[in-house]
Structure formats: C-alpha cells, structure tokens
Amino acid sequence: MQMMTQPSGVSPIAPYGTRQAAHRAKSASFREAPGPAAGQPECPRRSPVAQPPGLRAVSQAMFQLSTHTPRGVLLTVAALAAYAAPTTAYAQGLPLPPAPVRGDEVGDHLTVTVSHAGRADGTYRLRCHPGGGSHPDPGGACGTLDRRTIWGRDPFSPVAPDGLCTMQYGGPATAYVTGTWAGRPVNATYDRSDGCQIARWNDLVPLLPDLRSPRS
C-alpha cells in the first residue's frame, strides 16, 4: 500500500481528538482569567441605580404595553406616567405644597376672649379691612385699632414696668387677644387690677367691652 506524503511547508494536521482537547483548554483559560496583580487596584463595579417603586411599576407597565399597544395609546400612557411622577416623588418623602389659607385668616384678624365680665363674657372673632366677624361692633373695634396704630407704637403693648399706677381696682374681668394685626402676630392679655391696667383696657373699647360705670 502506498503512503501519502505531506507537502513541505504545510503544518501537520493534528488528530480530531487532539484539536478538541486544545479547544477545551483554551476556553477554560478564558473562563479562569487571573485577577489583577498584587498591588494594583481593582476596577470598581458600578452598582445599579435604585429606582422608586412607583416609577419601576410604571416602567414595567410601559414595557408590557409597548409590544401589544398601538402608538397612539402609548403616547397617552407616557403622558399619564409623566403626570404621575410628581405624585410618586411626594410619596417618597419630598415636601408637599403649602395648604391654602382660609379666607377668614387673610389680612387683619383677631380673636378676643373675655372672662369674668358678666354678660360680656364670650369669644369673639374680628376681621378688619373689610370689617366682619362675630364681634358685636366690628366697625368700631377696627376704627379704634386703626387710630391707635401709628409708627413706633403697638396698640397691644403692655403697661410700662416703671409706670406709676393708682391703687384702683376695676373688677375681676380679664381679656385675651390673639391673631394678626398690621402684619404682626398679636398675643396680649388684659385685666383691671390697677389704674394703668384699667386705662389700657379702656383705650381698646369697643374691641374690649366697656365696663366703665355710667358716671366715669
């Protein structure tokens, strides 16, 4: 039998089994690639960006609809998703917009509570500019406050601590005024324990009830 000779310059052909073994060894070398050499920093791995649950649900719904929904409907869903995004942001703890202000809390408004004054006892609400509320004389009360509101003077200021007051007692009546006047908060108490406190009370009549005797 005549044996075939291989031409010169051509690499010998390895048997089939030898080629398979070499292929497996080469694949294993790729799978078991060595890590970085000692002293060399590793390349940091990028962690996935966390997505809020609400936006993640919207994204999944958009992906499912994209394979079965016409283009016009997809545009509508995209618009709704954009509209819902602020709501999702608020649910994640972002600050909400301020609540609307009630109509009776805009401008000058006061609450007057009178005690131990007989028939004048009660809690009254007063609004000025324009006048209104449950106060028995809103026009007169607002007018008194307007006249006593001048630059550098607070109509609700307390009695000066070094003032000279007469030893006069005007009764057990007390009053408590809170609210806003001329853009400033009001928190003032009134009584009739001496001459200075009586005069301070009388200066705000009819905001406070007139408790003076007919002869005074």
N, C-alpha and C. Protein backbone atom coordinates (compact mmCIF):
# COMPACT_ATOMS: atom_id res chain seq x y z
N MET A 1 0.85 -1.20 0.00
CA MET A 1 0.00 0.00 0.00
C MET A 1 0.87 1.23 0.00
N GLN A 2 0.55 2.19 -0.81
CA GLN A 2 1.39 3.40 -0.96
C GLN A 2 0.98 4.45 0.04
N MET A 3 1.88 5.00 0.83
CA MET A 3 1.59 6.01 1.85
C MET A 3 1.70 7.40 1.24
N MET A 4 0.74 8.28 1.68
CA MET A 4 0.70 9.65 1.17
C MET A 4 1.69 10.50 1.93
N THR A 5 2.41 11.29 1.22
CA THR A 5 3.39 12.20 1.84
C THR A 5 2.83 13.61 1.86
N GLN A 6 3.12 14.34 2.95
CA GLN A 6 2.63 15.73 3.12
C GLN A 6 3.59 16.69 2.47
N PRO A 7 3.06 17.65 1.69
CA PRO A 7 3.94 18.60 1.03
C PRO A 7 4.75 19.38 2.03
N SER A 8 5.92 19.79 1.62
CA SER A 8 6.79 20.58 2.51
C SER A 8 6.20 21.96 2.72
N GLY A 9 6.42 22.57 3.95
CA GLY A 9 5.91 23.92 4.27
C GLY A 9 4.51 23.92 4.81
N VAL A 10 3.85 22.77 4.93
CA VAL A 10 2.48 22.69 5.45
C VAL A 10 2.54 22.04 6.81
N SER A 11 1.85 22.67 7.82
CA SER A 11 1.86 22.13 9.18
C SER A 11 1.13 20.82 9.20
N PRO A 12 1.61 19.91 9.98
CA PRO A 12 0.91 18.62 10.08
C PRO A 12 -0.46 18.80 10.69
N ILE A 13 -1.44 18.07 10.25
CA ILE A 13 -2.81 18.14 10.75
C ILE A 13 -2.91 17.28 11.99
N ALA A 14 -3.37 17.93 13.12
CA ALA A 14 -3.50 17.18 14.36
C ALA A 14 -4.71 16.30 14.31
N PRO A 15 -4.67 15.22 14.99
CA PRO A 15 -5.85 14.34 15.03
C PRO A 15 -7.05 15.08 15.61
N TYR A 16 -8.26 14.56 15.35
CA TYR A 16 -9.51 15.21 15.78
C TYR A 16 -9.59 15.31 17.30
N GLY A 17 -9.23 14.27 17.98
CA GLY A 17 -9.30 14.30 19.44
C GLY A 17 -8.35 15.31 20.03
N THR A 18 -7.20 15.48 19.44
CA THR A 18 -6.23 16.46 19.94
C THR A 18 -6.74 17.88 19.76
N ARG A 19 -7.40 18.16 18.63
CA ARG A 19 -7.96 19.50 18.41
C ARG A 19 -9.05 19.81 19.43
N GLN A 20 -9.92 18.87 19.76
CA GLN A 20 -10.98 19.08 20.75
C GLN A 20 -10.40 19.39 22.11
N ALA A 21 -9.36 18.67 22.49
CA ALA A 21 -8.74 18.92 23.79
C ALA A 21 -8.13 20.31 23.85
N ALA A 22 -7.49 20.75 22.78
CA ALA A 22 -6.90 22.09 22.75
C ALA A 22 -7.96 23.16 22.83
N HIS A 23 -9.12 22.94 22.19
CA HIS A 23 -10.22 23.92 22.24
C HIS A 23 -10.77 24.05 23.65
N ARG A 24 -10.92 22.92 24.35
CA ARG A 24 -11.42 22.98 25.71
C ARG A 24 -10.44 23.68 26.63
N ALA A 25 -9.16 23.44 26.44
CA ALA A 25 -8.16 24.10 27.29
C ALA A 25 -8.16 25.61 27.07
N LYS A 26 -8.34 26.02 25.81
CA LYS A 26 -8.37 27.46 25.51
C LYS A 26 -9.60 28.12 26.11
N SER A 27 -10.76 27.46 26.06
CA SER A 27 -11.98 28.01 26.66
C SER A 27 -11.83 28.13 28.16
N ALA A 28 -11.21 27.14 28.80
CA ALA A 28 -11.02 27.20 30.24
C ALA A 28 -10.12 28.35 30.64
N SER A 29 -9.12 28.64 29.79
CA SER A 29 -8.21 29.75 30.11
C SER A 29 -8.94 31.08 30.10
N PHE A 30 -9.95 31.25 29.21
CA PHE A 30 -10.75 32.49 29.20
C PHE A 30 -11.65 32.56 30.43
N ARG A 31 -12.23 31.41 30.82
CA ARG A 31 -13.13 31.43 31.97
C ARG A 31 -12.39 31.67 33.27
N GLU A 32 -11.17 31.24 33.35
CA GLU A 32 -10.40 31.36 34.58
C GLU A 32 -9.32 32.43 34.43
N ALA A 33 -9.71 33.56 33.90
CA ALA A 33 -8.74 34.63 33.71
C ALA A 33 -8.25 35.11 35.06
N PRO A 34 -6.99 35.30 35.24
CA PRO A 34 -6.46 35.71 36.55
C PRO A 34 -6.91 37.12 36.88
N GLY A 35 -7.04 37.39 38.19
CA GLY A 35 -7.42 38.72 38.65
C GLY A 35 -6.26 39.68 38.55
N PRO A 36 -6.44 40.89 39.03
CA PRO A 36 -5.37 41.88 38.95
C PRO A 36 -4.18 41.48 39.78
N ALA A 37 -3.03 41.89 39.34
CA ALA A 37 -1.81 41.59 40.07
C ALA A 37 -1.82 42.27 41.43
N ALA A 38 -1.01 41.72 42.33
CA ALA A 38 -0.95 42.28 43.68
C ALA A 38 -0.49 43.73 43.62
N GLY A 39 -1.16 44.57 44.39
CA GLY A 39 -0.80 45.99 44.43
C GLY A 39 -1.52 46.84 43.43
N GLN A 40 -2.24 46.24 42.49
CA GLN A 40 -2.99 47.01 41.51
C GLN A 40 -4.44 47.11 41.96
N PRO A 41 -5.05 48.31 41.94
CA PRO A 41 -6.45 48.45 42.38
C PRO A 41 -7.40 47.80 41.39
N GLU A 42 -8.45 47.21 41.95
CA GLU A 42 -9.47 46.62 41.09
C GLU A 42 -10.35 47.72 40.51
N CYS A 43 -10.85 47.46 39.34
CA CYS A 43 -11.79 48.40 38.71
C CYS A 43 -13.11 48.35 39.46
N PRO A 44 -13.59 49.46 40.01
CA PRO A 44 -14.84 49.41 40.80
C PRO A 44 -16.03 49.03 39.93
N ARG A 45 -16.86 48.22 40.55
CA ARG A 45 -18.07 47.80 39.84
C ARG A 45 -19.18 48.82 40.08
N ARG A 46 -19.88 49.13 39.05
CA ARG A 46 -20.95 50.13 39.13
C ARG A 46 -22.22 49.46 39.63
N SER A 47 -22.71 49.97 40.77
CA SER A 47 -23.94 49.41 41.33
C SER A 47 -25.14 49.96 40.60
N PRO A 48 -26.17 49.16 40.46
CA PRO A 48 -27.37 49.66 39.75
C PRO A 48 -28.03 50.79 40.51
N VAL A 49 -28.58 51.74 39.78
CA VAL A 49 -29.26 52.90 40.38
C VAL A 49 -30.61 52.46 40.91
N ALA A 50 -30.85 52.79 42.19
CA ALA A 50 -32.14 52.42 42.78
C ALA A 50 -33.25 53.24 42.15
N GLN A 51 -34.35 52.60 41.90
CA GLN A 51 -35.50 53.26 41.27
C GLN A 51 -36.68 53.18 42.22
N PRO A 52 -37.40 54.30 42.43
CA PRO A 52 -38.55 54.26 43.32
C PRO A 52 -39.56 53.21 42.86
N PRO A 53 -40.29 52.60 43.83
CA PRO A 53 -41.25 51.55 43.45
C PRO A 53 -42.30 52.03 42.46
N GLY A 54 -42.79 53.28 42.65
CA GLY A 54 -43.83 53.77 41.75
C GLY A 54 -43.33 53.90 40.32
N LEU A 55 -42.12 54.46 40.14
CA LEU A 55 -41.58 54.61 38.79
C LEU A 55 -41.21 53.26 38.19
N ARG A 56 -40.75 52.31 39.03
CA ARG A 56 -40.41 50.99 38.50
C ARG A 56 -41.66 50.29 37.97
N ALA A 57 -42.79 50.44 38.69
CA ALA A 57 -44.03 49.82 38.22
C ALA A 57 -44.50 50.44 36.91
N VAL A 58 -44.35 51.78 36.80
CA VAL A 58 -44.75 52.44 35.55
C VAL A 58 -43.87 51.98 34.40
N SER A 59 -42.56 51.81 34.65
CA SER A 59 -41.66 51.37 33.58
C SER A 59 -42.00 49.96 33.10
N GLN A 60 -42.32 49.07 34.05
CA GLN A 60 -42.69 47.71 33.66
C GLN A 60 -43.97 47.69 32.85
N ALA A 61 -44.94 48.51 33.27
CA ALA A 61 -46.20 48.56 32.52
C ALA A 61 -45.98 49.11 31.12
N MET A 62 -45.11 50.12 30.99
CA MET A 62 -44.82 50.66 29.66
C MET A 62 -44.17 49.62 28.76
N PHE A 63 -43.26 48.79 29.32
CA PHE A 63 -42.60 47.77 28.51
C PHE A 63 -43.59 46.72 28.03
N GLN A 64 -44.53 46.33 28.92
CA GLN A 64 -45.51 45.33 28.51
C GLN A 64 -46.46 45.87 27.45
N LEU A 65 -46.82 47.15 27.58
CA LEU A 65 -47.75 47.72 26.61
C LEU A 65 -47.09 47.96 25.26
N SER A 66 -45.77 48.16 25.26
CA SER A 66 -45.10 48.50 24.01
C SER A 66 -45.16 47.38 22.97
N THR A 67 -45.35 46.14 23.41
CA THR A 67 -45.38 45.01 22.47
C THR A 67 -46.77 44.70 21.95
N HIS A 68 -47.82 45.27 22.58
CA HIS A 68 -49.18 44.92 22.17
C HIS A 68 -50.07 46.14 21.93
N THR A 69 -49.54 47.36 22.04
CA THR A 69 -50.39 48.55 22.03
C THR A 69 -50.01 49.44 20.86
N PRO A 70 -51.01 50.03 20.17
CA PRO A 70 -50.71 50.97 19.08
C PRO A 70 -49.95 52.18 19.58
N ARG A 71 -49.35 52.91 18.65
CA ARG A 71 -48.50 54.05 19.00
C ARG A 71 -49.29 55.16 19.70
N GLY A 72 -50.51 55.42 19.26
CA GLY A 72 -51.29 56.50 19.86
C GLY A 72 -51.58 56.25 21.33
N VAL A 73 -51.91 55.00 21.66
CA VAL A 73 -52.18 54.68 23.06
C VAL A 73 -50.91 54.79 23.89
N LEU A 74 -49.76 54.41 23.32
CA LEU A 74 -48.50 54.52 24.05
C LEU A 74 -48.19 55.97 24.40
N LEU A 75 -48.48 56.88 23.47
CA LEU A 75 -48.23 58.29 23.76
C LEU A 75 -49.10 58.77 24.92
N THR A 76 -50.35 58.31 24.96
CA THR A 76 -51.24 58.69 26.06
C THR A 76 -50.73 58.15 27.39
N VAL A 77 -50.30 56.90 27.40
CA VAL A 77 -49.78 56.30 28.63
C VAL A 77 -48.52 57.02 29.09
N ALA A 78 -47.66 57.42 28.14
CA ALA A 78 -46.44 58.15 28.51
C ALA A 78 -46.78 59.48 29.16
N ALA A 79 -47.80 60.16 28.63
CA ALA A 79 -48.20 61.43 29.23
C ALA A 79 -48.73 61.23 30.64
N LEU A 80 -49.51 60.17 30.85
CA LEU A 80 -50.02 59.89 32.19
C LEU A 80 -48.90 59.54 33.15
N ALA A 81 -47.89 58.83 32.68
CA ALA A 81 -46.76 58.49 33.54
C ALA A 81 -46.00 59.74 33.97
N ALA A 82 -45.83 60.67 33.03
CA ALA A 82 -45.15 61.92 33.38
C ALA A 82 -45.96 62.72 34.39
N TYR A 83 -47.30 62.66 34.26
CA TYR A 83 -48.15 63.38 35.22
C TYR A 83 -48.08 62.74 36.60
N ALA A 84 -47.94 61.41 36.65
CA ALA A 84 -47.92 60.71 37.93
C ALA A 84 -46.58 60.80 38.63
N ALA A 85 -45.52 61.22 37.94
CA ALA A 85 -44.19 61.27 38.55
C ALA A 85 -44.14 62.19 39.76
N PRO A 86 -44.71 63.43 39.74
CA PRO A 86 -44.65 64.25 40.94
C PRO A 86 -45.33 63.60 42.12
N THR A 87 -46.47 62.90 41.89
CA THR A 87 -47.15 62.24 42.99
C THR A 87 -46.27 61.17 43.61
N THR A 88 -45.55 60.43 42.76
CA THR A 88 -44.63 59.42 43.29
C THR A 88 -43.52 60.07 44.09
N ALA A 89 -43.04 61.22 43.64
CA ALA A 89 -41.98 61.91 44.38
C ALA A 89 -42.47 62.35 45.76
N TYR A 90 -43.72 62.84 45.84
CA TYR A 90 -44.25 63.23 47.14
C TYR A 90 -44.37 62.01 48.05
N ALA A 91 -44.73 60.85 47.48
CA ALA A 91 -44.85 59.65 48.30
C ALA A 91 -43.51 59.21 48.85
N GLN A 92 -42.40 59.60 48.22
CA GLN A 92 -41.08 59.21 48.69
C GLN A 92 -40.58 60.12 49.80
N GLY A 93 -41.36 61.12 50.24
CA GLY A 93 -40.98 61.94 51.37
C GLY A 93 -40.60 63.36 51.03
N LEU A 94 -40.78 63.81 49.79
CA LEU A 94 -40.48 65.19 49.44
C LEU A 94 -41.54 66.11 50.03
N PRO A 95 -41.21 67.39 50.30
CA PRO A 95 -42.18 68.29 50.92
C PRO A 95 -43.37 68.56 50.02
N LEU A 96 -44.55 68.62 50.63
CA LEU A 96 -45.78 68.91 49.90
C LEU A 96 -45.97 70.42 49.80
N PRO A 97 -46.74 70.89 48.83
CA PRO A 97 -47.01 72.32 48.74
C PRO A 97 -47.82 72.79 49.94
N PRO A 98 -47.69 74.07 50.33
CA PRO A 98 -48.41 74.56 51.50
C PRO A 98 -49.91 74.51 51.29
N ALA A 99 -50.63 74.30 52.41
CA ALA A 99 -52.09 74.24 52.35
C ALA A 99 -52.66 75.63 52.06
N PRO A 100 -53.79 75.71 51.38
CA PRO A 100 -54.39 77.02 51.10
C PRO A 100 -54.83 77.72 52.37
N VAL A 101 -54.73 79.03 52.36
CA VAL A 101 -55.10 79.84 53.52
C VAL A 101 -56.59 80.12 53.47
N ARG A 102 -57.25 79.96 54.63
CA ARG A 102 -58.68 80.23 54.68
C ARG A 102 -58.96 81.71 54.50
N GLY A 103 -60.14 82.02 54.00
CA GLY A 103 -60.48 83.40 53.73
C GLY A 103 -60.53 84.27 54.97
N ASP A 104 -60.94 83.68 56.14
CA ASP A 104 -61.04 84.47 57.36
C ASP A 104 -59.69 84.65 58.05
N GLU A 105 -58.59 84.10 57.48
CA GLU A 105 -57.27 84.26 58.07
C GLU A 105 -56.38 85.17 57.23
N VAL A 106 -56.94 85.83 56.24
CA VAL A 106 -56.18 86.73 55.39
C VAL A 106 -56.35 88.15 55.91
N GLY A 107 -55.27 88.92 56.02
CA GLY A 107 -55.35 90.29 56.49
C GLY A 107 -55.40 90.37 58.00
N ASP A 108 -56.02 91.43 58.52
CA ASP A 108 -56.11 91.67 59.96
C ASP A 108 -57.26 90.86 60.54
N HIS A 109 -56.94 89.96 61.45
CA HIS A 109 -57.97 89.15 62.10
C HIS A 109 -57.57 88.90 63.54
N LEU A 110 -58.51 88.99 64.44
CA LEU A 110 -58.25 88.85 65.87
C LEU A 110 -59.32 87.97 66.50
N THR A 111 -58.93 87.31 67.58
CA THR A 111 -59.86 86.55 68.41
C THR A 111 -59.79 87.12 69.82
N VAL A 112 -60.92 87.55 70.36
CA VAL A 112 -61.00 88.19 71.67
C VAL A 112 -61.79 87.28 72.60
N THR A 113 -61.19 86.91 73.73
CA THR A 113 -61.86 86.08 74.74
C THR A 113 -61.98 86.89 76.02
N VAL A 114 -63.20 87.10 76.48
CA VAL A 114 -63.47 87.91 77.67
C VAL A 114 -64.03 86.99 78.75
N SER A 115 -63.52 87.14 79.98
CA SER A 115 -63.97 86.32 81.10
C SER A 115 -64.24 87.21 82.31
N HIS A 116 -65.14 86.75 83.19
CA HIS A 116 -65.48 87.42 84.45
C HIS A 116 -65.97 88.85 84.22
N ALA A 117 -66.69 89.04 83.11
CA ALA A 117 -67.22 90.37 82.80
C ALA A 117 -68.74 90.34 82.69
N GLY A 118 -69.38 89.36 83.27
CA GLY A 118 -70.83 89.29 83.24
C GLY A 118 -71.36 88.92 81.86
N ARG A 119 -72.31 89.71 81.39
CA ARG A 119 -72.93 89.42 80.10
C ARG A 119 -71.99 89.60 78.91
N ALA A 120 -70.86 90.26 79.12
CA ALA A 120 -69.90 90.47 78.03
C ALA A 120 -68.97 89.27 77.84
N ASP A 121 -69.09 88.25 78.69
CA ASP A 121 -68.22 87.08 78.54
C ASP A 121 -68.45 86.39 77.20
N GLY A 122 -67.38 85.86 76.65
CA GLY A 122 -67.50 85.11 75.40
C GLY A 122 -66.24 85.23 74.56
N THR A 123 -66.26 84.55 73.45
CA THR A 123 -65.15 84.60 72.48
C THR A 123 -65.67 85.18 71.18
N TYR A 124 -65.03 86.23 70.71
CA TYR A 124 -65.48 86.94 69.52
C TYR A 124 -64.35 86.97 68.50
N ARG A 125 -64.74 86.88 67.24
CA ARG A 125 -63.77 86.96 66.15
C ARG A 125 -64.00 88.25 65.36
N LEU A 126 -62.90 88.90 65.03
CA LEU A 126 -62.97 90.20 64.36
C LEU A 126 -62.09 90.17 63.13
N ARG A 127 -62.63 90.67 62.01
CA ARG A 127 -61.87 90.88 60.78
C ARG A 127 -61.97 92.35 60.39
N CYS A 128 -60.85 92.89 59.94
CA CYS A 128 -60.82 94.29 59.52
C CYS A 128 -60.28 94.39 58.10
N HIS A 129 -60.78 95.42 57.39
CA HIS A 129 -60.31 95.72 56.01
C HIS A 129 -60.60 94.57 55.05
N PRO A 130 -61.85 94.22 54.83
CA PRO A 130 -63.09 94.80 55.37
C PRO A 130 -63.45 94.21 56.74
N GLY A 131 -64.31 94.94 57.45
CA GLY A 131 -64.71 94.51 58.78
C GLY A 131 -65.74 93.40 58.73
N GLY A 132 -65.73 92.57 59.76
CA GLY A 132 -66.68 91.47 59.85
C GLY A 132 -66.33 90.58 61.01
N GLY A 133 -67.02 89.45 61.09
CA GLY A 133 -66.79 88.51 62.18
C GLY A 133 -67.95 88.51 63.16
N SER A 134 -67.76 87.78 64.26
CA SER A 134 -68.80 87.66 65.28
C SER A 134 -68.71 88.73 66.36
N HIS A 135 -67.78 89.65 66.26
CA HIS A 135 -67.67 90.72 67.25
C HIS A 135 -68.93 91.59 67.20
N PRO A 136 -69.44 92.04 68.36
CA PRO A 136 -70.68 92.84 68.35
C PRO A 136 -70.54 94.20 67.68
N ASP A 137 -69.34 94.76 67.57
CA ASP A 137 -69.16 96.07 66.92
C ASP A 137 -67.88 96.03 66.09
N PRO A 138 -67.88 95.34 64.94
CA PRO A 138 -66.64 95.24 64.17
C PRO A 138 -66.17 96.59 63.63
N GLY A 139 -67.09 97.45 63.20
CA GLY A 139 -66.69 98.75 62.68
C GLY A 139 -66.00 99.60 63.72
N GLY A 140 -66.59 99.68 64.92
CA GLY A 140 -65.99 100.48 65.98
C GLY A 140 -64.67 99.90 66.46
N ALA A 141 -64.58 98.57 66.57
CA ALA A 141 -63.34 97.94 67.03
C ALA A 141 -62.21 98.17 66.03
N CYS A 142 -62.50 98.01 64.73
CA CYS A 142 -61.47 98.23 63.72
C CYS A 142 -61.05 99.69 63.67
N GLY A 143 -62.01 100.61 63.84
CA GLY A 143 -61.68 102.03 63.84
C GLY A 143 -60.77 102.40 65.00
N THR A 144 -61.04 101.86 66.19
CA THR A 144 -60.19 102.14 67.35
C THR A 144 -58.77 101.65 67.12
N LEU A 145 -58.64 100.44 66.58
CA LEU A 145 -57.30 99.91 66.32
C LEU A 145 -56.57 100.72 65.26
N ASP A 146 -57.29 101.15 64.22
CA ASP A 146 -56.65 101.96 63.18
C ASP A 146 -56.11 103.27 63.75
N ARG A 147 -56.88 103.92 64.63
CA ARG A 147 -56.44 105.20 65.19
C ARG A 147 -55.23 105.02 66.12
N ARG A 148 -55.14 103.89 66.77
CA ARG A 148 -54.06 103.66 67.72
C ARG A 148 -52.84 102.98 67.09
N THR A 149 -52.93 102.68 65.81
CA THR A 149 -51.79 102.06 65.12
C THR A 149 -51.02 103.15 64.40
N ILE A 150 -49.94 103.60 64.99
CA ILE A 150 -49.09 104.62 64.39
C ILE A 150 -47.66 104.09 64.40
N TRP A 151 -46.78 104.78 63.64
CA TRP A 151 -45.40 104.33 63.54
C TRP A 151 -44.73 104.35 64.90
N GLY A 152 -44.11 103.22 65.26
CA GLY A 152 -43.38 103.13 66.51
C GLY A 152 -44.25 102.85 67.72
N ARG A 153 -45.54 102.58 67.53
CA ARG A 153 -46.42 102.32 68.67
C ARG A 153 -47.26 101.09 68.40
N ASP A 154 -47.31 100.21 69.35
CA ASP A 154 -48.08 98.98 69.25
C ASP A 154 -49.37 99.15 70.05
N PRO A 155 -50.54 99.03 69.42
CA PRO A 155 -51.79 99.22 70.18
C PRO A 155 -52.01 98.16 71.24
N PHE A 156 -51.27 97.07 71.19
CA PHE A 156 -51.43 95.99 72.17
C PHE A 156 -50.27 95.93 73.14
N SER A 157 -49.45 96.97 73.21
CA SER A 157 -48.27 96.94 74.08
C SER A 157 -48.68 96.89 75.55
N PRO A 158 -47.90 96.22 76.39
CA PRO A 158 -48.24 96.14 77.82
C PRO A 158 -47.93 97.45 78.54
N VAL A 159 -48.32 97.49 79.80
CA VAL A 159 -48.02 98.66 80.63
C VAL A 159 -46.53 98.70 80.91
N ALA A 160 -45.96 99.90 80.89
CA ALA A 160 -44.53 100.05 81.17
C ALA A 160 -44.22 99.57 82.58
N PRO A 161 -43.16 98.78 82.76
CA PRO A 161 -42.88 98.23 84.09
C PRO A 161 -42.53 99.30 85.12
N ASP A 162 -42.04 100.48 84.69
CA ASP A 162 -41.67 101.53 85.64
C ASP A 162 -42.74 102.61 85.74
N GLY A 163 -43.96 102.32 85.25
CA GLY A 163 -45.03 103.32 85.30
C GLY A 163 -45.60 103.49 86.70
N LEU A 164 -46.11 104.68 86.98
CA LEU A 164 -46.75 104.98 88.26
C LEU A 164 -48.25 104.79 88.09
N CYS A 165 -48.81 103.82 88.79
CA CYS A 165 -50.22 103.46 88.63
C CYS A 165 -50.96 103.68 89.94
N THR A 166 -52.18 104.14 89.85
CA THR A 166 -53.01 104.35 91.03
C THR A 166 -53.49 103.02 91.58
N MET A 167 -53.70 102.99 92.89
CA MET A 167 -54.21 101.78 93.54
C MET A 167 -55.72 101.74 93.36
N GLN A 168 -56.12 101.40 92.19
CA GLN A 168 -57.54 101.38 91.81
C GLN A 168 -57.87 100.00 91.28
N TYR A 169 -58.99 99.47 91.70
CA TYR A 169 -59.39 98.12 91.26
C TYR A 169 -60.65 98.24 90.41
N GLY A 170 -60.57 97.69 89.20
CA GLY A 170 -61.70 97.80 88.29
C GLY A 170 -62.51 96.54 88.12
N GLY A 171 -62.30 95.54 88.97
CA GLY A 171 -63.08 94.31 88.87
C GLY A 171 -62.25 93.13 88.36
N PRO A 172 -62.84 91.94 88.36
CA PRO A 172 -62.10 90.72 88.02
C PRO A 172 -62.04 90.40 86.53
N ALA A 173 -62.57 91.27 85.69
CA ALA A 173 -62.64 90.96 84.25
C ALA A 173 -61.23 90.80 83.66
N THR A 174 -61.11 89.86 82.75
CA THR A 174 -59.86 89.64 82.00
C THR A 174 -60.20 89.45 80.53
N ALA A 175 -59.20 89.69 79.69
CA ALA A 175 -59.38 89.52 78.24
C ALA A 175 -58.08 88.98 77.65
N TYR A 176 -58.25 88.23 76.59
CA TYR A 176 -57.11 87.61 75.89
C TYR A 176 -57.32 87.83 74.40
N VAL A 177 -56.35 88.49 73.74
CA VAL A 177 -56.46 88.84 72.33
C VAL A 177 -55.32 88.17 71.57
N THR A 178 -55.67 87.43 70.53
CA THR A 178 -54.67 86.77 69.68
C THR A 178 -55.04 87.01 68.22
N GLY A 179 -54.07 86.80 67.34
CA GLY A 179 -54.33 86.93 65.90
C GLY A 179 -53.21 87.68 65.20
N THR A 180 -53.59 88.45 64.18
CA THR A 180 -52.64 89.21 63.38
C THR A 180 -53.19 90.60 63.15
N TRP A 181 -52.34 91.60 63.38
CA TRP A 181 -52.73 92.99 63.14
C TRP A 181 -51.55 93.71 62.50
N ALA A 182 -51.82 94.40 61.38
CA ALA A 182 -50.79 95.14 60.64
C ALA A 182 -49.61 94.25 60.28
N GLY A 183 -49.89 93.00 59.97
CA GLY A 183 -48.84 92.07 59.57
C GLY A 183 -48.03 91.49 60.70
N ARG A 184 -48.39 91.77 61.95
CA ARG A 184 -47.63 91.27 63.10
C ARG A 184 -48.52 90.38 63.97
N PRO A 185 -47.92 89.35 64.58
CA PRO A 185 -48.72 88.49 65.47
C PRO A 185 -49.10 89.23 66.74
N VAL A 186 -50.28 88.90 67.27
CA VAL A 186 -50.80 89.53 68.49
C VAL A 186 -51.03 88.43 69.52
N ASN A 187 -50.54 88.68 70.74
CA ASN A 187 -50.76 87.77 71.86
C ASN A 187 -50.72 88.62 73.13
N ALA A 188 -51.87 89.16 73.52
CA ALA A 188 -51.93 90.14 74.59
C ALA A 188 -52.99 89.75 75.61
N THR A 189 -52.71 90.05 76.89
CA THR A 189 -53.65 89.81 77.98
C THR A 189 -53.99 91.14 78.64
N TYR A 190 -55.21 91.21 79.18
CA TYR A 190 -55.71 92.44 79.80
C TYR A 190 -56.42 92.09 81.09
N ASP A 191 -56.31 93.02 82.06
CA ASP A 191 -57.09 92.92 83.30
C ASP A 191 -57.36 94.34 83.79
N ARG A 192 -58.00 94.47 84.96
CA ARG A 192 -58.37 95.77 85.51
C ARG A 192 -57.93 95.84 86.97
N SER A 193 -56.67 95.42 87.19
CA SER A 193 -56.18 95.29 88.57
C SER A 193 -55.67 96.60 89.17
N ASP A 194 -55.35 97.62 88.36
CA ASP A 194 -54.91 98.91 88.88
C ASP A 194 -55.25 99.99 87.85
N GLY A 195 -54.87 101.24 88.18
CA GLY A 195 -55.22 102.34 87.30
C GLY A 195 -54.61 102.21 85.90
N CYS A 196 -53.37 101.75 85.79
CA CYS A 196 -52.73 101.61 84.47
C CYS A 196 -53.40 100.53 83.63
N GLN A 197 -53.74 99.41 84.26
CA GLN A 197 -54.39 98.33 83.52
C GLN A 197 -55.80 98.72 83.10
N ILE A 198 -56.49 99.48 83.96
CA ILE A 198 -57.83 99.94 83.60
C ILE A 198 -57.76 100.88 82.39
N ALA A 199 -56.79 101.82 82.39
CA ALA A 199 -56.64 102.74 81.27
C ALA A 199 -56.28 101.98 79.99
N ARG A 200 -55.43 100.98 80.10
CA ARG A 200 -55.06 100.19 78.92
C ARG A 200 -56.27 99.45 78.36
N TRP A 201 -57.11 98.95 79.24
CA TRP A 201 -58.34 98.28 78.79
C TRP A 201 -59.26 99.28 78.09
N ASN A 202 -59.49 100.43 78.74
CA ASN A 202 -60.42 101.40 78.19
C ASN A 202 -59.95 101.97 76.85
N ASP A 203 -58.65 101.99 76.61
CA ASP A 203 -58.14 102.51 75.34
C ASP A 203 -58.58 101.65 74.16
N LEU A 204 -58.92 100.39 74.38
CA LEU A 204 -59.31 99.49 73.30
C LEU A 204 -60.81 99.24 73.23
N VAL A 205 -61.60 99.98 73.99
CA VAL A 205 -63.06 99.91 73.84
C VAL A 205 -63.42 100.53 72.49
N PRO A 206 -64.24 99.90 71.63
CA PRO A 206 -65.10 98.73 71.87
C PRO A 206 -64.52 97.38 71.45
N LEU A 207 -63.20 97.29 71.14
CA LEU A 207 -62.66 95.95 70.92
C LEU A 207 -62.87 95.11 72.17
N LEU A 208 -62.59 95.70 73.34
CA LEU A 208 -62.91 95.10 74.63
C LEU A 208 -64.20 95.72 75.14
N PRO A 209 -64.98 94.99 75.92
CA PRO A 209 -66.27 95.54 76.38
C PRO A 209 -66.06 96.74 77.30
N ASP A 210 -66.99 97.68 77.22
CA ASP A 210 -66.93 98.88 78.06
C ASP A 210 -67.51 98.54 79.43
N LEU A 211 -66.63 98.47 80.43
CA LEU A 211 -67.04 98.12 81.79
C LEU A 211 -67.02 99.32 82.71
N ARG A 212 -66.93 100.51 82.16
CA ARG A 212 -66.92 101.70 82.99
C ARG A 212 -68.31 101.99 83.52
N SER A 213 -68.34 102.57 84.70
CA SER A 213 -69.62 102.94 85.28
C SER A 213 -70.19 104.12 84.51
N PRO A 214 -71.52 104.34 84.55
CA PRO A 214 -72.12 105.44 83.78
C PRO A 214 -71.55 106.81 84.13
N ARG A 215 -71.04 107.02 85.37
CA ARG A 215 -70.52 108.32 85.77
C ARG A 215 -69.09 108.56 85.29
N SER A 216 -68.35 107.52 84.89
CA SER A 216 -66.95 107.69 84.53
C SER A 216 -66.83 108.21 83.11
